[in-house]
Amino acid sequence: MIKNIVFDVGGVLMTFDTHAAAAAFTDSAADAELLHRQVFDHADWVSIDRGVPEDTALARMQSRLPERLRPRAEQLLARWEQWLEPDEAVNELGRELDGLGCRLYILSNTSARFWRFSERIPLMPKIRGTVLSYEEKLLKPDPAIYKRLFSKFELAAGECLFIDDNRLNIEAAWWVGMHGCQYGGDIAPVRAELRRLGVGVAP
């Protein structure tokens, strides 16, 4: 029986157009692509989610960029969360699940910046607890971060459904005994999976 719904943030509760963010700080498509590649498409971006200080990651990003783009990288890293927007379909589903008595949690690869934008997540007032990668110094799909969720909130894996946009993260959830459903922008398959698992959400 599913009692707990666990949400990812980026790509699930919130959308994030990284290309639009990079383009906002550049003057050409080529520079936007270069900035995007060295900021968002590099391991240094992921390292922030593991708890590496932003200033450290920024210095590494800037070292790979031409001089003209180094101030742009700093501006982008300071303001990227402005391009996060709520996914209304997921947040609406979460409110419905809360009304059905499900307990709601967040498990996310994210930085300390989470607490700057969390108030913009419509579902946040209904969230009972969070496991955030920067705090745990662990990243999905490492099974240890899922097990941290179970221990922190005394949850049984088989009573949890995890919703994430990344297939590897869903497979890791299955591996540790959770139910998992990948979200790709269409809420209908998520609702269908919940109904299959016995949760009485609307079609």
N, C-alpha and C. Protein backbone atom coordinates (compact mmCIF):
# COMPACT_ATOMS: atom_id res chain seq x y z
N MET A 1 0.84 -1.20 0.00
CA MET A 1 0.00 0.00 0.00
C MET A 1 0.88 1.26 0.00
N ILE A 2 0.57 2.17 -0.89
CA ILE A 2 1.34 3.41 -0.99
C ILE A 2 0.82 4.42 0.03
N LYS A 3 1.71 4.85 0.92
CA LYS A 3 1.37 5.85 1.93
C LYS A 3 2.15 7.15 1.73
N ASN A 4 3.30 7.06 1.04
CA ASN A 4 4.22 8.19 0.94
C ASN A 4 4.55 8.47 -0.52
N ILE A 5 4.46 9.73 -0.91
CA ILE A 5 4.83 10.16 -2.25
C ILE A 5 6.06 11.05 -2.13
N VAL A 6 7.10 10.69 -2.86
CA VAL A 6 8.38 11.40 -2.79
C VAL A 6 8.63 12.08 -4.14
N PHE A 7 8.82 13.38 -4.11
CA PHE A 7 8.98 14.17 -5.33
C PHE A 7 10.42 14.65 -5.50
N ASP A 8 10.89 14.61 -6.73
CA ASP A 8 12.07 15.38 -7.12
C ASP A 8 11.61 16.83 -7.30
N VAL A 9 12.57 17.75 -7.40
CA VAL A 9 12.22 19.15 -7.60
C VAL A 9 12.41 19.56 -9.06
N GLY A 10 13.66 19.71 -9.53
CA GLY A 10 13.91 20.15 -10.89
C GLY A 10 13.41 19.13 -11.91
N GLY A 11 12.54 19.57 -12.81
CA GLY A 11 11.97 18.67 -13.81
C GLY A 11 10.72 17.98 -13.33
N VAL A 12 10.34 18.21 -12.07
CA VAL A 12 9.12 17.60 -11.53
C VAL A 12 8.26 18.70 -10.88
N LEU A 13 8.56 19.06 -9.65
CA LEU A 13 7.79 20.13 -9.01
C LEU A 13 8.03 21.48 -9.68
N MET A 14 9.25 21.66 -10.20
CA MET A 14 9.61 22.92 -10.87
C MET A 14 10.25 22.61 -12.22
N THR A 15 9.91 23.39 -13.23
CA THR A 15 10.60 23.31 -14.51
C THR A 15 11.80 24.25 -14.46
N PHE A 16 12.79 23.96 -15.30
CA PHE A 16 14.01 24.78 -15.31
C PHE A 16 14.55 24.83 -16.73
N ASP A 17 14.42 25.98 -17.38
CA ASP A 17 14.91 26.17 -18.74
C ASP A 17 16.34 26.72 -18.67
N THR A 18 17.31 25.82 -18.61
CA THR A 18 18.70 26.23 -18.46
C THR A 18 19.20 26.99 -19.68
N HIS A 19 18.70 26.64 -20.86
CA HIS A 19 19.15 27.34 -22.07
C HIS A 19 18.66 28.78 -22.08
N ALA A 20 17.43 29.01 -21.62
CA ALA A 20 16.93 30.38 -21.54
C ALA A 20 17.73 31.19 -20.52
N ALA A 21 18.11 30.55 -19.43
CA ALA A 21 18.91 31.23 -18.42
C ALA A 21 20.26 31.65 -18.99
N ALA A 22 20.93 30.74 -19.68
CA ALA A 22 22.24 31.07 -20.26
C ALA A 22 22.11 32.16 -21.32
N ALA A 23 21.06 32.10 -22.13
CA ALA A 23 20.87 33.09 -23.19
C ALA A 23 20.64 34.48 -22.62
N ALA A 24 20.06 34.57 -21.44
CA ALA A 24 19.75 35.87 -20.84
C ALA A 24 21.00 36.66 -20.48
N PHE A 25 22.14 35.98 -20.38
CA PHE A 25 23.38 36.64 -19.95
C PHE A 25 24.42 36.71 -21.07
N THR A 26 23.99 36.47 -22.30
CA THR A 26 24.92 36.48 -23.42
C THR A 26 24.33 37.28 -24.57
N ASP A 27 25.19 37.57 -25.55
CA ASP A 27 24.77 38.41 -26.67
C ASP A 27 24.66 37.66 -27.98
N SER A 28 24.99 36.38 -27.98
CA SER A 28 24.92 35.59 -29.20
C SER A 28 24.58 34.15 -28.87
N ALA A 29 24.05 33.44 -29.85
CA ALA A 29 23.70 32.03 -29.66
C ALA A 29 24.94 31.21 -29.35
N ALA A 30 26.06 31.55 -29.99
CA ALA A 30 27.30 30.79 -29.78
C ALA A 30 27.79 30.96 -28.34
N ASP A 31 27.75 32.20 -27.84
CA ASP A 31 28.18 32.43 -26.47
C ASP A 31 27.23 31.78 -25.47
N ALA A 32 25.94 31.81 -25.79
CA ALA A 32 24.96 31.16 -24.91
C ALA A 32 25.23 29.67 -24.80
N GLU A 33 25.55 29.05 -25.93
CA GLU A 33 25.84 27.62 -25.92
C GLU A 33 27.11 27.31 -25.15
N LEU A 34 28.12 28.14 -25.33
CA LEU A 34 29.38 27.94 -24.61
C LEU A 34 29.18 28.10 -23.11
N LEU A 35 28.45 29.14 -22.72
CA LEU A 35 28.20 29.38 -21.30
C LEU A 35 27.38 28.23 -20.71
N HIS A 36 26.38 27.79 -21.44
CA HIS A 36 25.56 26.69 -20.97
C HIS A 36 26.40 25.42 -20.78
N ARG A 37 27.26 25.15 -21.73
CA ARG A 37 28.07 23.93 -21.67
C ARG A 37 29.01 23.93 -20.48
N GLN A 38 29.61 25.08 -20.19
CA GLN A 38 30.61 25.14 -19.11
C GLN A 38 29.99 25.35 -17.73
N VAL A 39 28.73 25.75 -17.69
CA VAL A 39 28.06 25.91 -16.39
C VAL A 39 27.15 24.72 -16.10
N PHE A 40 26.15 24.50 -16.95
CA PHE A 40 25.13 23.50 -16.64
C PHE A 40 25.48 22.08 -17.10
N ASP A 41 26.29 21.96 -18.14
CA ASP A 41 26.59 20.64 -18.70
C ASP A 41 27.91 20.07 -18.20
N HIS A 42 28.39 20.55 -17.09
CA HIS A 42 29.70 20.13 -16.60
C HIS A 42 29.57 19.58 -15.18
N ALA A 43 30.50 18.74 -14.80
CA ALA A 43 30.48 18.15 -13.46
C ALA A 43 30.57 19.20 -12.35
N ASP A 44 31.09 20.38 -12.65
CA ASP A 44 31.17 21.42 -11.62
C ASP A 44 29.77 21.85 -11.15
N TRP A 45 28.81 21.83 -12.05
CA TRP A 45 27.43 22.16 -11.67
C TRP A 45 26.90 21.11 -10.69
N VAL A 46 27.15 19.86 -10.99
CA VAL A 46 26.71 18.76 -10.12
C VAL A 46 27.42 18.83 -8.77
N SER A 47 28.66 19.29 -8.77
CA SER A 47 29.42 19.34 -7.52
C SER A 47 28.77 20.28 -6.51
N ILE A 48 28.07 21.32 -6.97
CA ILE A 48 27.37 22.23 -6.06
C ILE A 48 26.27 21.48 -5.32
N ASP A 49 25.61 20.57 -6.04
CA ASP A 49 24.57 19.76 -5.40
C ASP A 49 25.15 18.80 -4.36
N ARG A 50 26.43 18.50 -4.47
CA ARG A 50 27.08 17.64 -3.48
C ARG A 50 27.59 18.44 -2.29
N GLY A 51 27.48 19.76 -2.35
CA GLY A 51 27.88 20.59 -1.23
C GLY A 51 29.15 21.39 -1.44
N VAL A 52 29.75 21.32 -2.65
CA VAL A 52 30.91 22.16 -2.95
C VAL A 52 30.47 23.62 -2.96
N PRO A 53 31.18 24.53 -2.32
CA PRO A 53 30.78 25.95 -2.32
C PRO A 53 30.64 26.50 -3.73
N GLU A 54 29.65 27.36 -3.93
CA GLU A 54 29.42 27.94 -5.25
C GLU A 54 30.63 28.71 -5.75
N ASP A 55 31.34 29.42 -4.87
CA ASP A 55 32.51 30.19 -5.30
C ASP A 55 33.59 29.27 -5.86
N THR A 56 33.74 28.10 -5.28
CA THR A 56 34.73 27.13 -5.77
C THR A 56 34.34 26.63 -7.14
N ALA A 57 33.07 26.27 -7.30
CA ALA A 57 32.60 25.78 -8.59
C ALA A 57 32.68 26.87 -9.65
N LEU A 58 32.34 28.11 -9.27
CA LEU A 58 32.40 29.22 -10.21
C LEU A 58 33.81 29.44 -10.73
N ALA A 59 34.79 29.40 -9.85
CA ALA A 59 36.18 29.60 -10.28
C ALA A 59 36.58 28.56 -11.30
N ARG A 60 36.14 27.34 -11.11
CA ARG A 60 36.45 26.28 -12.07
C ARG A 60 35.75 26.52 -13.39
N MET A 61 34.51 26.93 -13.34
CA MET A 61 33.76 27.24 -14.57
C MET A 61 34.43 28.38 -15.34
N GLN A 62 34.79 29.42 -14.62
CA GLN A 62 35.40 30.59 -15.27
C GLN A 62 36.74 30.25 -15.90
N SER A 63 37.46 29.31 -15.30
CA SER A 63 38.77 28.94 -15.85
C SER A 63 38.67 28.32 -17.23
N ARG A 64 37.50 27.81 -17.59
CA ARG A 64 37.30 27.18 -18.90
C ARG A 64 36.66 28.13 -19.90
N LEU A 65 36.34 29.34 -19.47
CA LEU A 65 35.64 30.29 -20.33
C LEU A 65 36.56 31.41 -20.78
N PRO A 66 36.29 31.99 -21.96
CA PRO A 66 37.05 33.17 -22.36
C PRO A 66 36.77 34.34 -21.41
N GLU A 67 37.68 35.27 -21.35
CA GLU A 67 37.59 36.38 -20.39
C GLU A 67 36.25 37.11 -20.47
N ARG A 68 35.72 37.29 -21.68
CA ARG A 68 34.50 38.08 -21.84
C ARG A 68 33.28 37.41 -21.18
N LEU A 69 33.34 36.09 -21.01
CA LEU A 69 32.19 35.37 -20.46
C LEU A 69 32.33 35.07 -18.97
N ARG A 70 33.46 35.38 -18.39
CA ARG A 70 33.64 35.06 -16.96
C ARG A 70 32.70 35.86 -16.07
N PRO A 71 32.52 37.18 -16.31
CA PRO A 71 31.52 37.91 -15.50
C PRO A 71 30.11 37.39 -15.74
N ARG A 72 29.82 36.94 -16.97
CA ARG A 72 28.49 36.40 -17.28
C ARG A 72 28.23 35.12 -16.50
N ALA A 73 29.25 34.29 -16.36
CA ALA A 73 29.11 33.06 -15.57
C ALA A 73 28.78 33.39 -14.12
N GLU A 74 29.44 34.41 -13.59
CA GLU A 74 29.17 34.82 -12.20
C GLU A 74 27.74 35.30 -12.05
N GLN A 75 27.28 36.10 -13.03
CA GLN A 75 25.91 36.61 -12.98
C GLN A 75 24.90 35.47 -13.10
N LEU A 76 25.19 34.52 -13.98
CA LEU A 76 24.30 33.39 -14.18
C LEU A 76 24.21 32.54 -12.91
N LEU A 77 25.35 32.27 -12.30
CA LEU A 77 25.35 31.43 -11.11
C LEU A 77 24.65 32.13 -9.94
N ALA A 78 24.67 33.44 -9.95
CA ALA A 78 24.02 34.19 -8.87
C ALA A 78 22.50 34.23 -9.02
N ARG A 79 21.99 34.04 -10.26
CA ARG A 79 20.57 34.31 -10.50
C ARG A 79 19.82 33.17 -11.19
N TRP A 80 20.43 31.99 -11.35
CA TRP A 80 19.81 30.94 -12.16
C TRP A 80 18.44 30.53 -11.66
N GLU A 81 18.18 30.61 -10.36
CA GLU A 81 16.91 30.10 -9.85
C GLU A 81 15.72 30.94 -10.32
N GLN A 82 15.99 32.12 -10.90
CA GLN A 82 14.90 32.93 -11.44
C GLN A 82 14.21 32.26 -12.62
N TRP A 83 14.87 31.27 -13.21
CA TRP A 83 14.30 30.56 -14.37
C TRP A 83 13.58 29.28 -13.94
N LEU A 84 13.41 29.08 -12.67
CA LEU A 84 12.59 27.97 -12.17
C LEU A 84 11.13 28.41 -12.15
N GLU A 85 10.25 27.54 -12.64
CA GLU A 85 8.82 27.83 -12.63
C GLU A 85 8.06 26.61 -12.15
N PRO A 86 6.99 26.78 -11.39
CA PRO A 86 6.23 25.63 -10.91
C PRO A 86 5.62 24.83 -12.07
N ASP A 87 5.66 23.51 -11.93
CA ASP A 87 4.90 22.65 -12.84
C ASP A 87 3.52 22.49 -12.20
N GLU A 88 2.55 23.14 -12.77
CA GLU A 88 1.23 23.20 -12.13
C GLU A 88 0.57 21.83 -12.05
N ALA A 89 0.78 20.98 -13.07
CA ALA A 89 0.13 19.67 -13.08
C ALA A 89 0.64 18.80 -11.94
N VAL A 90 1.96 18.85 -11.69
CA VAL A 90 2.53 18.04 -10.61
C VAL A 90 2.11 18.58 -9.26
N ASN A 91 2.15 19.89 -9.10
CA ASN A 91 1.75 20.47 -7.82
C ASN A 91 0.27 20.24 -7.52
N GLU A 92 -0.56 20.28 -8.55
CA GLU A 92 -1.98 19.97 -8.37
C GLU A 92 -2.16 18.52 -7.93
N LEU A 93 -1.42 17.61 -8.57
CA LEU A 93 -1.47 16.21 -8.17
C LEU A 93 -1.05 16.05 -6.71
N GLY A 94 0.00 16.74 -6.31
CA GLY A 94 0.46 16.66 -4.93
C GLY A 94 -0.60 17.10 -3.94
N ARG A 95 -1.30 18.18 -4.26
CA ARG A 95 -2.37 18.65 -3.37
C ARG A 95 -3.48 17.61 -3.27
N GLU A 96 -3.78 16.98 -4.41
CA GLU A 96 -4.80 15.93 -4.41
C GLU A 96 -4.36 14.75 -3.54
N LEU A 97 -3.11 14.36 -3.67
CA LEU A 97 -2.58 13.24 -2.87
C LEU A 97 -2.60 13.57 -1.38
N ASP A 98 -2.27 14.79 -1.04
CA ASP A 98 -2.33 15.21 0.36
C ASP A 98 -3.76 15.09 0.88
N GLY A 99 -4.71 15.48 0.06
CA GLY A 99 -6.12 15.38 0.45
C GLY A 99 -6.58 13.94 0.64
N LEU A 100 -5.90 13.01 -0.04
CA LEU A 100 -6.22 11.59 0.10
C LEU A 100 -5.51 10.95 1.29
N GLY A 101 -4.71 11.73 2.00
CA GLY A 101 -4.03 11.21 3.18
C GLY A 101 -2.62 10.73 2.96
N CYS A 102 -2.09 10.90 1.76
CA CYS A 102 -0.70 10.52 1.51
C CYS A 102 0.24 11.53 2.16
N ARG A 103 1.38 11.05 2.62
CA ARG A 103 2.41 11.93 3.18
C ARG A 103 3.39 12.28 2.07
N LEU A 104 3.74 13.54 1.97
CA LEU A 104 4.54 14.04 0.85
C LEU A 104 5.94 14.44 1.32
N TYR A 105 6.94 14.05 0.52
CA TYR A 105 8.34 14.34 0.83
C TYR A 105 9.06 14.81 -0.44
N ILE A 106 10.22 15.41 -0.23
CA ILE A 106 11.10 15.80 -1.34
C ILE A 106 12.43 15.08 -1.18
N LEU A 107 12.91 14.51 -2.29
CA LEU A 107 14.26 13.94 -2.39
C LEU A 107 14.88 14.52 -3.65
N SER A 108 15.88 15.38 -3.48
CA SER A 108 16.37 16.14 -4.63
C SER A 108 17.88 16.33 -4.60
N ASN A 109 18.46 16.24 -5.79
CA ASN A 109 19.83 16.72 -5.98
C ASN A 109 19.73 18.23 -6.14
N THR A 110 20.19 18.95 -5.14
CA THR A 110 20.05 20.41 -5.15
C THR A 110 21.10 21.03 -4.25
N SER A 111 21.27 22.31 -4.39
CA SER A 111 22.25 23.05 -3.59
C SER A 111 21.55 23.77 -2.44
N ALA A 112 22.34 24.50 -1.66
CA ALA A 112 21.78 25.29 -0.57
C ALA A 112 20.83 26.36 -1.10
N ARG A 113 20.91 26.65 -2.38
CA ARG A 113 20.01 27.62 -2.99
C ARG A 113 18.54 27.17 -2.89
N PHE A 114 18.33 25.88 -2.62
CA PHE A 114 16.97 25.37 -2.49
C PHE A 114 16.12 26.24 -1.56
N TRP A 115 16.71 26.67 -0.46
CA TRP A 115 15.93 27.41 0.52
C TRP A 115 15.62 28.84 0.07
N ARG A 116 16.26 29.28 -1.02
CA ARG A 116 15.92 30.59 -1.59
C ARG A 116 14.72 30.52 -2.51
N PHE A 117 14.51 29.37 -3.15
CA PHE A 117 13.39 29.28 -4.08
C PHE A 117 12.27 28.35 -3.59
N SER A 118 12.46 27.68 -2.46
CA SER A 118 11.47 26.70 -2.02
C SER A 118 10.10 27.31 -1.78
N GLU A 119 10.06 28.57 -1.38
CA GLU A 119 8.76 29.22 -1.13
C GLU A 119 7.96 29.41 -2.41
N ARG A 120 8.62 29.25 -3.56
CA ARG A 120 7.92 29.36 -4.84
C ARG A 120 7.34 28.03 -5.30
N ILE A 121 7.61 26.95 -4.56
CA ILE A 121 7.03 25.64 -4.87
C ILE A 121 5.64 25.61 -4.26
N PRO A 122 4.58 25.57 -5.08
CA PRO A 122 3.23 25.64 -4.52
C PRO A 122 2.94 24.55 -3.48
N LEU A 123 3.53 23.37 -3.67
CA LEU A 123 3.25 22.24 -2.79
C LEU A 123 4.03 22.30 -1.48
N MET A 124 4.97 23.22 -1.35
CA MET A 124 5.88 23.21 -0.21
C MET A 124 5.17 23.19 1.15
N PRO A 125 4.08 23.91 1.34
CA PRO A 125 3.42 23.86 2.65
C PRO A 125 2.91 22.47 3.04
N LYS A 126 2.74 21.59 2.05
CA LYS A 126 2.24 20.24 2.31
C LYS A 126 3.37 19.22 2.51
N ILE A 127 4.61 19.63 2.26
CA ILE A 127 5.75 18.72 2.34
C ILE A 127 6.11 18.44 3.79
N ARG A 128 6.22 17.16 4.16
CA ARG A 128 6.50 16.79 5.55
C ARG A 128 7.99 16.71 5.86
N GLY A 129 8.82 16.60 4.83
CA GLY A 129 10.25 16.53 5.07
C GLY A 129 11.03 16.50 3.78
N THR A 130 12.29 16.86 3.87
CA THR A 130 13.16 16.92 2.69
C THR A 130 14.46 16.16 2.95
N VAL A 131 14.96 15.54 1.90
CA VAL A 131 16.33 15.01 1.88
C VAL A 131 17.00 15.66 0.68
N LEU A 132 17.99 16.51 0.96
CA LEU A 132 18.64 17.32 -0.06
C LEU A 132 20.09 16.92 -0.19
N SER A 133 20.53 16.76 -1.42
CA SER A 133 21.86 16.20 -1.67
C SER A 133 22.98 17.02 -1.04
N TYR A 134 22.87 18.35 -1.08
CA TYR A 134 23.98 19.17 -0.57
C TYR A 134 24.14 18.98 0.94
N GLU A 135 23.03 18.69 1.63
CA GLU A 135 23.10 18.46 3.07
C GLU A 135 23.67 17.08 3.39
N GLU A 136 23.31 16.11 2.57
CA GLU A 136 23.73 14.72 2.82
C GLU A 136 25.10 14.40 2.23
N LYS A 137 25.60 15.29 1.34
CA LYS A 137 26.85 15.03 0.60
C LYS A 137 26.74 13.73 -0.19
N LEU A 138 25.53 13.49 -0.69
CA LEU A 138 25.22 12.31 -1.50
C LEU A 138 24.37 12.76 -2.67
N LEU A 139 24.47 12.05 -3.80
CA LEU A 139 23.70 12.38 -4.98
C LEU A 139 22.91 11.16 -5.46
N LYS A 140 21.65 11.38 -5.88
CA LYS A 140 20.97 10.34 -6.63
C LYS A 140 21.79 10.08 -7.90
N PRO A 141 21.91 8.85 -8.34
CA PRO A 141 21.19 7.65 -7.93
C PRO A 141 21.90 6.78 -6.88
N ASP A 142 22.78 7.34 -6.08
CA ASP A 142 23.43 6.57 -5.02
C ASP A 142 22.36 6.01 -4.08
N PRO A 143 22.29 4.70 -3.90
CA PRO A 143 21.26 4.12 -3.02
C PRO A 143 21.30 4.69 -1.61
N ALA A 144 22.45 5.19 -1.17
CA ALA A 144 22.58 5.69 0.20
C ALA A 144 21.65 6.87 0.47
N ILE A 145 21.40 7.70 -0.53
CA ILE A 145 20.55 8.87 -0.29
C ILE A 145 19.09 8.46 -0.14
N TYR A 146 18.69 7.41 -0.84
CA TYR A 146 17.32 6.89 -0.67
C TYR A 146 17.17 6.27 0.72
N LYS A 147 18.18 5.53 1.14
CA LYS A 147 18.14 4.91 2.46
C LYS A 147 18.15 5.96 3.56
N ARG A 148 18.79 7.09 3.28
CA ARG A 148 18.76 8.21 4.23
C ARG A 148 17.33 8.72 4.39
N LEU A 149 16.58 8.78 3.30
CA LEU A 149 15.18 9.18 3.35
C LEU A 149 14.40 8.24 4.27
N PHE A 150 14.59 6.94 4.09
CA PHE A 150 13.85 5.96 4.90
C PHE A 150 14.18 6.12 6.38
N SER A 151 15.46 6.26 6.69
CA SER A 151 15.86 6.34 8.11
C SER A 151 15.45 7.66 8.74
N LYS A 152 15.56 8.74 7.99
CA LYS A 152 15.27 10.06 8.54
C LYS A 152 13.80 10.21 8.93
N PHE A 153 12.92 9.61 8.12
CA PHE A 153 11.48 9.78 8.35
C PHE A 153 10.77 8.48 8.71
N GLU A 154 11.55 7.42 8.98
CA GLU A 154 11.01 6.13 9.38
C GLU A 154 9.98 5.63 8.37
N LEU A 155 10.39 5.58 7.12
CA LEU A 155 9.52 5.14 6.03
C LEU A 155 9.88 3.72 5.60
N ALA A 156 8.87 2.96 5.21
CA ALA A 156 9.08 1.65 4.60
C ALA A 156 9.18 1.84 3.09
N ALA A 157 10.25 1.34 2.48
CA ALA A 157 10.48 1.55 1.06
C ALA A 157 9.29 1.14 0.21
N GLY A 158 8.68 0.00 0.53
CA GLY A 158 7.56 -0.50 -0.26
C GLY A 158 6.30 0.32 -0.17
N GLU A 159 6.26 1.26 0.77
CA GLU A 159 5.10 2.14 0.92
C GLU A 159 5.33 3.50 0.27
N CYS A 160 6.44 3.63 -0.48
CA CYS A 160 6.81 4.91 -1.09
C CYS A 160 6.76 4.83 -2.61
N LEU A 161 6.24 5.87 -3.23
CA LEU A 161 6.35 6.06 -4.68
C LEU A 161 7.21 7.28 -4.91
N PHE A 162 8.25 7.12 -5.72
CA PHE A 162 9.16 8.21 -6.05
C PHE A 162 8.87 8.69 -7.46
N ILE A 163 8.73 10.00 -7.63
CA ILE A 163 8.48 10.62 -8.93
C ILE A 163 9.69 11.48 -9.29
N ASP A 164 10.36 11.15 -10.39
CA ASP A 164 11.59 11.83 -10.81
C ASP A 164 11.58 11.89 -12.34
N ASP A 165 12.30 12.85 -12.89
CA ASP A 165 12.37 12.95 -14.35
C ASP A 165 13.52 12.15 -14.95
N ASN A 166 14.39 11.61 -14.11
CA ASN A 166 15.59 10.91 -14.58
C ASN A 166 15.41 9.40 -14.43
N ARG A 167 15.56 8.67 -15.52
CA ARG A 167 15.34 7.23 -15.50
C ARG A 167 16.29 6.51 -14.54
N LEU A 168 17.55 6.93 -14.49
CA LEU A 168 18.50 6.27 -13.59
C LEU A 168 18.08 6.42 -12.13
N ASN A 169 17.52 7.57 -11.80
CA ASN A 169 17.07 7.79 -10.43
C ASN A 169 15.88 6.91 -10.08
N ILE A 170 15.02 6.68 -11.06
CA ILE A 170 13.88 5.78 -10.85
C ILE A 170 14.37 4.35 -10.70
N GLU A 171 15.32 3.94 -11.52
CA GLU A 171 15.85 2.57 -11.41
C GLU A 171 16.51 2.35 -10.05
N ALA A 172 17.20 3.37 -9.53
CA ALA A 172 17.80 3.26 -8.21
C ALA A 172 16.71 3.12 -7.14
N ALA A 173 15.60 3.83 -7.32
CA ALA A 173 14.48 3.71 -6.38
C ALA A 173 13.95 2.28 -6.37
N TRP A 174 13.80 1.69 -7.56
CA TRP A 174 13.35 0.30 -7.64
C TRP A 174 14.34 -0.62 -6.91
N TRP A 175 15.62 -0.34 -7.10
CA TRP A 175 16.66 -1.20 -6.53
C TRP A 175 16.59 -1.23 -5.01
N VAL A 176 16.22 -0.11 -4.40
CA VAL A 176 16.14 -0.07 -2.92
C VAL A 176 14.76 -0.44 -2.41
N GLY A 177 13.86 -0.83 -3.30
CA GLY A 177 12.56 -1.33 -2.87
C GLY A 177 11.40 -0.38 -2.97
N MET A 178 11.62 0.83 -3.49
CA MET A 178 10.54 1.78 -3.68
C MET A 178 9.79 1.48 -4.97
N HIS A 179 8.60 2.01 -5.08
CA HIS A 179 7.95 2.13 -6.38
C HIS A 179 8.46 3.42 -7.01
N GLY A 180 8.51 3.46 -8.32
CA GLY A 180 9.02 4.65 -8.99
C GLY A 180 8.30 4.91 -10.28
N CYS A 181 8.14 6.18 -10.61
CA CYS A 181 7.47 6.57 -11.85
C CYS A 181 8.22 7.76 -12.46
N GLN A 182 8.66 7.61 -13.69
CA GLN A 182 9.37 8.70 -14.37
C GLN A 182 8.36 9.70 -14.92
N TYR A 183 8.63 10.98 -14.68
CA TYR A 183 7.78 12.05 -15.18
C TYR A 183 8.48 12.76 -16.33
N GLY A 184 7.80 12.84 -17.47
CA GLY A 184 8.40 13.48 -18.63
C GLY A 184 7.61 14.65 -19.15
N GLY A 185 6.75 15.23 -18.32
CA GLY A 185 5.97 16.38 -18.75
C GLY A 185 4.50 16.08 -18.95
N ASP A 186 4.15 14.80 -19.01
CA ASP A 186 2.75 14.38 -19.15
C ASP A 186 2.31 13.74 -17.84
N ILE A 187 1.36 14.35 -17.15
CA ILE A 187 0.96 13.86 -15.84
C ILE A 187 0.09 12.62 -15.92
N ALA A 188 -0.51 12.34 -17.08
CA ALA A 188 -1.44 11.21 -17.19
C ALA A 188 -0.81 9.87 -16.82
N PRO A 189 0.41 9.53 -17.30
CA PRO A 189 1.01 8.25 -16.89
C PRO A 189 1.29 8.16 -15.39
N VAL A 190 1.61 9.27 -14.76
CA VAL A 190 1.84 9.27 -13.31
C VAL A 190 0.54 8.97 -12.59
N ARG A 191 -0.53 9.62 -13.01
CA ARG A 191 -1.83 9.36 -12.40
C ARG A 191 -2.25 7.90 -12.62
N ALA A 192 -1.98 7.38 -13.81
CA ALA A 192 -2.32 5.99 -14.11
C ALA A 192 -1.55 5.03 -13.22
N GLU A 193 -0.28 5.32 -12.99
CA GLU A 193 0.54 4.46 -12.13
C GLU A 193 0.04 4.51 -10.69
N LEU A 194 -0.34 5.68 -10.23
CA LEU A 194 -0.88 5.80 -8.87
C LEU A 194 -2.15 4.97 -8.73
N ARG A 195 -3.02 5.03 -9.73
CA ARG A 195 -4.25 4.24 -9.66
C ARG A 195 -3.94 2.75 -9.70
N ARG A 196 -2.96 2.36 -10.50
CA ARG A 196 -2.56 0.95 -10.55
C ARG A 196 -2.08 0.47 -9.19
N LEU A 197 -1.46 1.37 -8.44
CA LEU A 197 -0.93 1.03 -7.12
C LEU A 197 -1.99 1.19 -6.01
N GLY A 198 -3.20 1.53 -6.41
CA GLY A 198 -4.28 1.58 -5.44
C GLY A 198 -4.56 2.93 -4.82
N VAL A 199 -3.94 3.98 -5.36
CA VAL A 199 -4.16 5.34 -4.85
C VAL A 199 -5.28 5.96 -5.69
N GLY A 200 -6.32 6.45 -5.03
CA GLY A 200 -7.52 6.86 -5.73
C GLY A 200 -7.50 8.26 -6.31
N VAL A 201 -6.50 8.57 -7.13
CA VAL A 201 -6.46 9.88 -7.77
C VAL A 201 -7.38 9.89 -8.99
N ALA A 202 -7.77 11.07 -9.41
CA ALA A 202 -8.61 11.21 -10.59
C ALA A 202 -7.80 10.88 -11.84
N PRO A 203 -8.47 10.44 -12.91
CA PRO A 203 -7.75 10.18 -14.18
C PRO A 203 -7.11 11.44 -14.73
